[in-house]
């Protein structure tokens, strides 16, 4: 310390230069630490939602990049959409101060904040996050939005002042209501697979060149992590899908039923399952052959998928039998869903269905609901099978509970 003081007295210009270099080294060390910790955390999981949370925590944490808010969009090429996936950030200054005081009091570092994912229900349920998740923008729309341009150009943007005014009517900026924002693409194999937007709505702290540089570096790592997660998901889907119908297979049905049942018991909500069997399928198969029978299975599977909810697990149980897990669904709701499915099959025109006894291809359905019809996997399956048998016995083409 004495040497530095003497150096300042003897060589003021040199001392200032050394201080500046020391500050830059400390900042570079801090930046590398943030990027290292965030990248490491992304490598610990292949679950997409966890990766998104890690990315946005790295962007918003006070010990990370320090932005007030961050939102993340992913490209859904199959549906031709840019989809809002997650938003992290306080909605008011009061909320921000409360969060920041808590973090300071608990002395939480970046690892602590990232590990907080499992208890982040409040963030997931927040109005801000829900607003972001409801945004869907066509990749190829008549009016170019900020996000579609970002996908096409693939270049980071720093919008402020007059520049941001050009996008003031853009859907995303209408929600964010910010005067300055960083917009950075995430890439894998030189192709944009997502977009991060970050701002400082609460503190009004200007976004610097260093902020942009760090955000771009983090986005590069994030793009690769997202690509790896998607490849993993594709592998899981392929391993657990029925090769003929594309539905989840019997093994995955058993796994998901156990998973949903545990969740149901933990938060005390209902759950139902339906068992569906194609009536007189053997006659159709024996008369027209297995290729025609396979086509019927694929057609019925598509109808079941199309007329089910996004939250439902539609599976091929085996042979001509299908099963559907209905989370958060009581008996009355399950009957309504089952009847909708049964009627959809009954009204559909299948090839050469006039050879069937009723001149129509139909299905019979059995329903079981937790907890009144069973409290375990096997009890629910047994009860739904019993109901399915009764539906067959009572004349087919009906739902039994």
Foldseek 3Di string as FASTA:
>chain_A
DVVLVVCCVVPVVVSVVVVVVVVVVVVVVLLVVLLVVLLVQLVVDLAQVLNVQSLFLQLCPCSHLNFQKKWKWFADVVVQKTFTDFIDHDPALVVSVVVVVVCVVVVDHSVNSSVCVVVCVCRCPDPLGVLRRPDIDGLDDPDDAPVNVCQVVQAKDKDADPRVVVRCVHPVCVSVVDRIKIKHFAADPPGGGMIMITHRRNVNDDQDPVSNVSSNSSSPSSNVSNVSSVVVVVVVQVVQADPLQSAGEQVVVQVVVQVLLVVCVVVVAKKKKKKKAKPPLVVVCVVPHDVLSSVVLNVLSVLLVVLDDPPKRWYANDDRMIMIIGHRDAPVRVQVSVLSSQVSQQPDDGPQCCVDPVRGITMEMFMFMPPPQHSDPVSNVVRRVVQSVVCVVVPGSYYGD
